[in-house]
Protein backbone atom coordinates (compact mmCIF):
# COMPACT_ATOMS: atom_id res chain seq x y z
CA MET A 1 138.01 130.73 160.53
CA LYS A 2 134.40 129.60 160.21
CA LYS A 3 133.54 125.97 160.71
CA LYS A 4 131.85 124.26 157.81
CA SER A 5 128.31 123.11 158.58
CA LYS A 6 127.79 119.37 158.37
CA ILE A 7 124.50 117.57 157.67
CA SER A 8 124.45 114.22 159.45
CA THR A 9 123.20 111.08 157.71
CA LYS A 10 120.52 110.73 160.38
CA ASN A 11 119.11 114.22 159.77
CA PHE A 12 119.34 113.79 156.01
CA THR A 13 117.38 110.50 156.19
CA LYS A 14 114.73 112.16 158.36
CA ARG A 15 114.39 115.02 155.88
CA MET A 16 114.11 112.62 152.96
CA ILE A 17 111.25 110.77 154.70
CA VAL A 18 109.36 114.04 155.09
CA PHE A 19 110.30 115.06 151.54
CA ASN A 20 108.87 111.84 150.05
CA LYS A 21 105.57 111.99 151.92
CA LYS A 22 102.43 112.78 149.96
CA LEU A 23 101.61 116.42 150.59
CA ASN A 24 98.29 117.06 148.91
CA HIS A 25 96.09 114.09 149.78
CA LYS A 26 94.16 115.98 152.49
CA VAL A 27 94.26 119.52 151.13
CA GLY A 28 90.83 121.15 151.44
CA ARG A 29 89.28 118.18 153.26
CA PRO A 30 87.59 118.62 156.66
CA ALA A 31 88.82 117.03 159.91
CA GLY A 32 87.33 113.57 160.29
CA ASP A 33 87.13 113.09 156.53
CA LEU A 34 86.58 109.38 155.84
CA THR A 35 88.42 108.98 152.54
CA TYR A 36 90.63 106.01 151.71
CA TYR A 37 94.16 107.09 150.71
CA GLY A 38 95.69 103.72 149.84
CA GLU A 39 95.90 101.82 146.57
CA GLU A 40 92.99 102.22 144.20
CA LYS A 41 92.49 98.45 144.04
CA ARG A 42 91.27 97.47 147.51
CA SER A 43 90.68 94.10 149.10
CA GLU A 44 87.11 92.94 149.60
CA THR A 45 85.73 93.86 153.02
CA LYS A 46 85.24 90.80 155.23
CA ILE A 47 84.05 90.99 158.82
CA ARG A 48 84.26 88.16 161.32
CA LEU A 49 83.46 88.01 164.99
CA ILE A 50 85.42 85.70 167.28
CA GLN A 51 84.16 85.15 170.83
CA TYR A 52 85.62 82.93 173.51
CA ASN A 53 86.00 82.19 177.18
CA LYS A 54 87.62 79.32 179.07
CA GLU A 55 84.98 76.81 177.99
CA ASP A 56 83.79 77.99 174.59
CA TYR A 57 85.00 79.35 171.24
CA GLU A 58 82.82 80.79 168.47
CA GLU A 59 83.65 82.31 165.08
CA ILE A 60 81.04 83.82 162.78
CA ILE A 61 81.03 85.84 159.55
CA VAL A 62 79.16 89.10 160.06
CA ASP A 63 76.66 90.22 157.42
CA ASN A 64 74.34 92.42 159.45
CA ILE A 65 76.43 95.08 161.19
CA ALA A 66 73.48 96.57 163.04
CA GLN A 67 73.02 93.31 164.97
CA ILE A 68 76.68 92.83 165.96
CA LYS A 69 76.27 94.29 169.43
CA SER A 70 73.37 92.00 170.24
CA THR A 71 75.44 89.02 169.02
CA ILE A 72 78.32 89.74 171.41
CA SER A 73 78.08 87.78 174.68
CA LYS A 74 78.83 89.70 177.86
CA ASP A 75 80.55 86.71 179.44
CA LYS A 76 83.00 86.28 176.54
CA ILE A 77 85.97 88.13 175.09
CA ALA A 78 85.04 89.48 171.66
CA TRP A 79 87.31 90.17 168.71
CA LEU A 80 85.86 91.92 165.67
CA ASP A 81 88.25 91.56 162.73
CA ILE A 82 87.71 93.67 159.59
CA GLU A 83 89.82 92.81 156.53
CA GLY A 84 89.83 94.98 153.40
CA PHE A 85 88.60 98.55 152.87
CA GLU A 86 86.60 98.06 149.66
CA ASP A 87 83.26 98.73 151.37
CA ALA A 88 83.89 102.02 153.19
CA GLU A 89 80.23 102.30 154.22
CA LYS A 90 80.45 99.09 156.26
CA ILE A 91 83.48 100.39 158.13
CA LYS A 92 81.77 103.73 158.80
CA GLU A 93 78.74 101.82 160.10
CA ILE A 94 80.95 99.80 162.47
CA GLY A 95 82.27 103.11 163.77
CA LYS A 96 78.73 104.27 164.53
CA VAL A 97 77.66 100.98 166.15
CA PHE A 98 80.65 100.93 168.52
CA ASP A 99 80.80 104.71 169.13
CA ILE A 100 84.18 105.09 167.43
CA HIS A 101 84.97 108.74 166.71
CA ASP A 102 85.21 109.86 163.07
CA LEU A 103 88.81 110.96 163.66
CA VAL A 104 89.69 107.38 164.63
CA ILE A 105 87.95 105.99 161.54
CA GLU A 106 89.88 108.59 159.53
CA ASP A 107 93.10 107.02 160.88
CA VAL A 108 91.78 103.64 159.72
CA PHE A 109 91.43 104.86 156.13
CA ASN A 110 94.60 106.98 156.10
CA THR A 111 97.12 104.35 155.03
CA ASP A 112 99.92 106.97 154.96
CA HIS A 113 99.54 107.53 158.70
CA ILE A 114 102.67 106.87 160.74
CA PRO A 115 102.33 104.52 163.76
CA LYS A 116 100.71 106.15 166.77
CA TYR A 117 99.17 105.41 170.17
CA GLU A 118 96.14 107.12 171.65
CA GLU A 119 94.18 106.69 174.87
CA GLY A 120 90.53 107.73 174.71
CA GLU A 121 87.82 107.81 177.36
CA ASP A 122 86.69 104.26 176.63
CA HIS A 123 89.33 102.88 174.28
CA LEU A 124 92.99 102.43 173.39
CA LEU A 125 94.14 102.92 169.82
CA VAL A 126 97.32 101.75 168.09
CA VAL A 127 97.98 102.48 164.41
CA LEU A 128 100.85 100.62 162.78
CA LYS A 129 102.10 98.90 159.66
CA SER A 130 102.26 95.14 159.21
CA PHE A 131 104.03 93.11 156.53
CA LYS A 132 102.66 90.23 154.46
CA GLU A 133 104.28 87.91 151.95
CA ASP A 134 103.73 89.10 148.39
CA ILE A 135 105.16 88.65 144.90
CA GLY A 136 108.56 90.33 144.89
CA GLY A 137 108.90 90.35 148.67
CA PRO A 138 107.03 91.47 151.80
CA LYS A 139 104.44 94.22 151.36
CA ASP A 140 103.38 96.68 154.05
CA THR A 141 99.70 96.98 154.99
CA HIS A 142 97.89 99.43 157.24
CA VAL A 143 96.55 98.13 160.57
CA THR A 144 94.48 99.80 163.29
CA LEU A 145 93.85 98.11 166.65
CA ILE A 146 91.21 99.34 169.10
CA LEU A 147 90.77 98.02 172.63
CA LYS A 148 87.49 98.51 174.48
CA GLN A 149 86.04 96.79 177.53
CA ASN A 150 86.02 93.04 176.70
CA LEU A 151 86.34 93.90 173.01
CA VAL A 152 89.17 94.19 170.48
CA ILE A 153 88.52 95.62 167.01
CA SER A 154 91.15 95.19 164.29
CA PHE A 155 91.08 96.92 160.90
CA GLN A 156 93.42 95.43 158.29
CA GLU A 157 93.92 97.01 154.88
CA GLU A 158 94.51 93.53 153.42
CA PRO A 159 94.18 89.97 154.77
CA ASN A 160 97.35 88.82 156.50
CA THR A 161 98.19 85.23 157.42
CA ILE A 162 100.45 86.46 160.24
CA ILE A 163 97.54 86.32 162.71
CA GLN A 164 96.20 82.91 161.64
CA PRO A 165 98.46 80.94 164.05
CA LYS A 166 97.18 83.16 166.88
CA ILE A 167 93.59 82.34 165.94
CA GLU A 168 94.38 78.61 165.89
CA ARG A 169 95.97 78.80 169.35
CA ILE A 170 92.92 80.56 170.76
CA LYS A 171 90.60 78.10 169.01
CA ASN A 172 92.49 75.07 170.34
CA GLY A 173 92.78 76.51 173.84
CA LYS A 174 96.57 76.75 173.73
CA GLY A 175 98.48 79.51 175.46
CA ARG A 176 97.07 82.06 177.91
CA SER A 177 94.48 83.82 175.73
CA ARG A 178 91.44 81.81 176.88
CA ASP A 179 92.29 82.59 180.52
CA LYS A 180 92.98 86.28 179.98
CA ASN A 181 90.96 89.42 179.28
CA ALA A 182 90.67 91.47 176.09
CA ASP A 183 93.82 93.45 176.86
CA TYR A 184 95.87 90.27 176.50
CA LEU A 185 94.28 89.62 173.07
CA PHE A 186 95.19 93.21 172.20
CA PHE A 187 98.81 92.39 173.10
CA VAL A 188 98.76 89.12 171.12
CA LEU A 189 97.65 90.90 167.94
CA LEU A 190 100.06 93.79 168.43
CA ASP A 191 102.91 91.34 169.00
CA ALA A 192 101.99 89.36 165.86
CA PHE A 193 101.97 92.45 163.66
CA ILE A 194 105.30 93.63 165.11
CA ASP A 195 106.78 90.17 164.48
CA SER A 196 105.88 90.55 160.79
CA TYR A 197 108.72 93.11 160.59
CA TYR A 198 111.18 90.23 161.04
CA THR A 199 109.95 88.83 157.70
CA TYR A 200 110.79 92.13 156.04
CA PHE A 201 114.26 92.31 157.58
CA GLU A 202 114.95 88.69 156.59
CA HIS A 203 114.03 89.49 152.99
CA LEU A 204 116.19 92.62 153.12
CA ARG A 205 119.10 90.58 154.52
CA GLU A 206 118.92 88.22 151.52
CA GLU A 207 118.93 91.18 149.13
CA ILE A 208 122.00 92.61 150.87
CA TYR A 209 123.84 89.25 150.69
CA ASN A 210 123.01 88.88 146.99
CA LEU A 211 124.10 92.43 146.20
CA ASP A 212 127.30 92.00 148.19
CA ALA A 213 128.19 88.90 146.13
CA LYS A 214 127.26 90.74 142.93
CA ILE A 215 129.55 93.68 143.78
CA LEU A 216 132.45 91.32 144.53
CA LEU A 217 131.97 89.38 141.28
CA GLU A 218 131.16 92.27 138.93
CA THR A 219 133.88 94.65 140.08
CA SER A 220 133.87 96.81 136.94
CA LYS A 221 130.13 97.56 137.09
CA ASN A 222 128.54 100.47 138.97
CA HIS A 223 125.97 99.07 141.45
CA ILE A 224 125.11 102.38 143.14
CA GLU A 225 121.48 102.32 141.92
CA ASP A 226 120.87 98.87 143.46
CA ILE A 227 122.54 99.97 146.70
CA TYR A 228 120.38 103.08 147.03
CA ASN A 229 117.25 101.06 146.26
CA LEU A 230 118.13 98.94 149.30
CA LYS A 231 118.83 102.04 151.35
CA ASN A 232 115.42 103.47 150.42
CA LYS A 233 113.74 100.25 151.59
CA LEU A 234 115.61 100.50 154.88
CA THR A 235 114.60 104.14 155.25
CA GLY A 236 110.98 103.11 154.67
CA ILE A 237 111.08 100.60 157.52
CA ARG A 238 112.74 103.17 159.78
CA LYS A 239 109.82 105.59 159.46
CA ASN A 240 107.55 102.82 160.78
CA VAL A 241 109.74 101.35 163.54
CA PHE A 242 110.82 104.56 165.29
CA PRO A 243 107.29 105.98 165.79
CA LEU A 244 106.10 102.52 166.85
CA LYS A 245 108.77 102.46 169.55
CA ASN A 246 107.52 105.83 170.81
CA SER A 247 103.94 104.54 170.78
CA ILE A 248 104.79 101.47 172.89
CA ASN A 249 106.85 103.60 175.29
CA GLU A 250 103.90 105.95 175.69
CA LEU A 251 101.55 103.03 176.35
CA LEU A 252 103.87 101.59 179.00
CA THR A 253 104.30 105.00 180.63
CA ASP A 254 100.56 105.75 180.75
CA GLU A 255 99.56 102.34 182.17
CA PRO A 256 95.95 102.87 181.01
CA ASP A 257 93.01 101.52 183.03
CA LEU A 258 91.98 99.17 180.22
CA LEU A 259 95.21 97.20 180.75
CA GLU A 260 95.44 94.89 183.74
CA GLU A 261 98.55 95.47 185.79
CA SER A 262 99.56 91.82 185.39
CA ASN A 263 99.39 92.14 181.58
CA ILE A 264 101.42 95.33 181.18
CA ARG A 265 104.67 93.33 181.35
CA TYR A 266 103.69 91.56 178.12
CA PHE A 267 103.75 94.88 176.29
CA SER A 268 107.34 95.28 177.48
CA ASP A 269 108.05 92.25 175.30
CA CYS A 270 106.80 94.26 172.30
CA LYS A 271 109.24 96.99 173.28
CA ASP A 272 112.09 94.43 173.35
CA HIS A 273 111.18 93.24 169.86
CA ILE A 274 111.16 96.80 168.54
CA ASN A 275 114.57 97.47 170.10
CA GLU A 276 115.86 94.35 168.35
CA LEU A 277 114.39 95.58 165.06
CA LEU A 278 116.18 98.89 165.55
CA GLU A 279 119.44 97.00 166.06
CA PHE A 280 118.79 95.26 162.73
CA TYR A 281 118.15 98.64 161.15
CA HIS A 282 121.45 100.13 162.36
CA SER A 283 123.40 96.97 161.41
CA PHE A 284 121.87 96.86 157.93
CA LEU A 285 122.50 100.58 157.44
CA GLU A 286 126.15 100.08 158.37
CA ILE A 287 126.45 97.18 155.91
CA ILE A 288 124.80 99.18 153.11
CA ASN A 289 127.17 102.09 153.74
CA SER A 290 130.08 99.63 153.53
CA LEU A 291 128.67 98.40 150.19
CA ILE A 292 128.74 101.99 148.94
CA SER A 293 132.43 102.20 149.91
CA LEU A 294 133.15 98.80 148.33
CA ASN A 295 131.43 99.85 145.11
CA GLU A 296 133.43 103.10 145.02
CA ASN A 297 136.69 101.19 145.62
CA ASN A 298 135.87 98.77 142.81
CA LEU A 299 135.16 101.64 140.43
CA ASN A 300 138.38 103.38 141.46
CA ASN A 301 140.34 100.15 140.96
CA SER A 302 138.74 99.67 137.56
CA THR A 303 139.63 103.25 136.59
CA ASN A 304 143.17 102.75 137.87
CA LYS A 305 143.55 99.61 135.75
CA ILE A 306 142.46 101.52 132.65
CA ILE A 307 144.86 104.37 133.44
CA LYS A 308 147.64 101.81 134.05
CA VAL A 309 147.11 100.21 130.62
CA LEU A 310 147.06 103.61 128.92
CA THR A 311 150.22 104.64 130.80
CA ILE A 312 152.06 101.45 129.71
CA ILE A 313 151.05 102.04 126.09
CA SER A 314 152.21 105.66 126.32
CA THR A 315 155.51 104.66 127.98
CA ILE A 316 156.28 102.20 125.17
CA PHE A 317 155.26 104.45 122.30
CA ILE A 318 156.85 107.73 123.44
CA PRO A 319 160.44 106.53 122.54
CA LEU A 320 159.13 105.06 119.29
CA THR A 321 157.51 108.36 118.45
CA PHE A 322 160.81 110.06 119.27
CA ILE A 323 162.70 107.82 116.79
CA ALA A 324 160.05 108.36 114.13
CA GLY A 325 160.22 112.10 114.79
CA ILE A 326 163.98 112.22 114.24
CA TYR A 327 163.79 110.54 110.84
CA GLY A 328 160.77 112.60 109.93
CA MET A 329 162.84 115.81 109.97
CA ASN A 330 163.48 117.27 106.52
CA PHE A 331 167.23 117.95 106.75
CA ALA A 332 169.11 117.60 103.45
CA ASN A 333 172.09 115.80 105.01
CA MET A 334 170.77 112.71 106.94
CA PRO A 335 173.09 109.77 106.10
CA GLU A 336 170.70 107.09 107.45
CA THR A 337 168.00 108.09 104.98
CA LYS A 338 170.31 107.13 102.14
CA TRP A 339 170.99 103.64 103.50
CA HIS A 340 169.59 100.88 101.34
CA ASN A 341 168.03 99.10 104.38
CA GLY A 342 167.59 102.22 106.55
CA TYR A 343 163.83 101.78 106.76
CA TYR A 344 164.17 98.26 108.17
CA TYR A 345 166.89 99.37 110.60
CA ALA A 346 164.52 102.06 111.91
CA LEU A 347 161.71 99.53 112.39
CA LEU A 348 164.05 97.11 114.17
CA SER A 349 165.34 99.85 116.47
CA MET A 350 161.74 100.77 117.35
CA PHE A 351 160.85 97.12 117.96
CA PHE A 352 163.81 96.42 120.25
CA THR A 353 163.34 99.72 122.07
CA GLY A 354 159.73 98.72 122.80
CA ILE A 355 160.85 95.26 124.00
CA PHE A 356 163.53 96.86 126.16
CA ILE A 357 161.04 99.23 127.85
CA LEU A 358 158.55 96.38 128.32
CA GLY A 359 161.33 94.33 129.95
CA ILE A 360 162.13 97.16 132.36
CA LEU A 361 158.44 97.45 133.35
CA LYS A 362 158.32 93.69 133.98
CA TRP A 363 161.57 93.79 135.95
CA LYS A 364 160.21 96.58 138.14
CA LYS A 365 156.98 94.52 138.55
CA TRP A 366 154.89 97.43 137.38
CA ILE A 367 152.97 95.12 135.07
């Protein structure tokens, strides 16, 4: 006897992620193509340069990209932050000024790109998604982080307040950043963007609580569409968290030269956060699956109640139909049909028969 093949939920989810991906956005385009694949309405491109050391902190808005390199001090840690992809030419120019390969800039513009890690000859690259507060809940944005010698470059699809507290700490000389090299700043930014996932999970948790209460209160309604909307959101976060975990693992395994040995342990903290996020994912998935079961049980109970009512009605009316059927027969000799009050006797017999059956159902506690 052949065993039936089973498709696991995990494999099905993985296939659905691939199924839902855009398939034609790069068809016919050359490698290194610098085309933006995100939303048509883009955020305005803003570039700022932050430089600091133990004694000094400086923040400037960059207008002339060609002069950025000459502005950067050799005795300071530099952070070039680019927000918004509206002006693609500016971003391409930054790539040329800092010798960033076209394939890397392509990753910057490709907002559908899954998280990844790459070690180049003179740089480290991490591509990931971050989350920002938006109308209707957290919204994911594309982020690319590049680490070079004494320089960190961050490309953000949209401005995100998640990094503002980090900037304030550096500005006010709090924490370790002013005493550390650029690789520590690279960690600080990576950690901040990973922490933004907690905001998303917190929002998702509230949605699950609200839907759980809704299912318990509105037991006769089918909530399967709302449940699967939540499941799709959870699947979306999964496709970002799992590759990000692999990226951090790869970074920790490689121990690249651009990372000081004393700072590598901080990246292990990022790994711990991702593992915690994965625990959230599995817990939330389990809860959502239980909501599916609860919804099905409610619908079954509702159907059973309807069937129960129909069965009670049928049980009462079957004997009444039997009585009516007897006196509906067209025999010539039926004494009761000649009774003066025969009609009323028939009605009374039906009424008391119905009451009798109803009493039995009550006595048996079936209703």
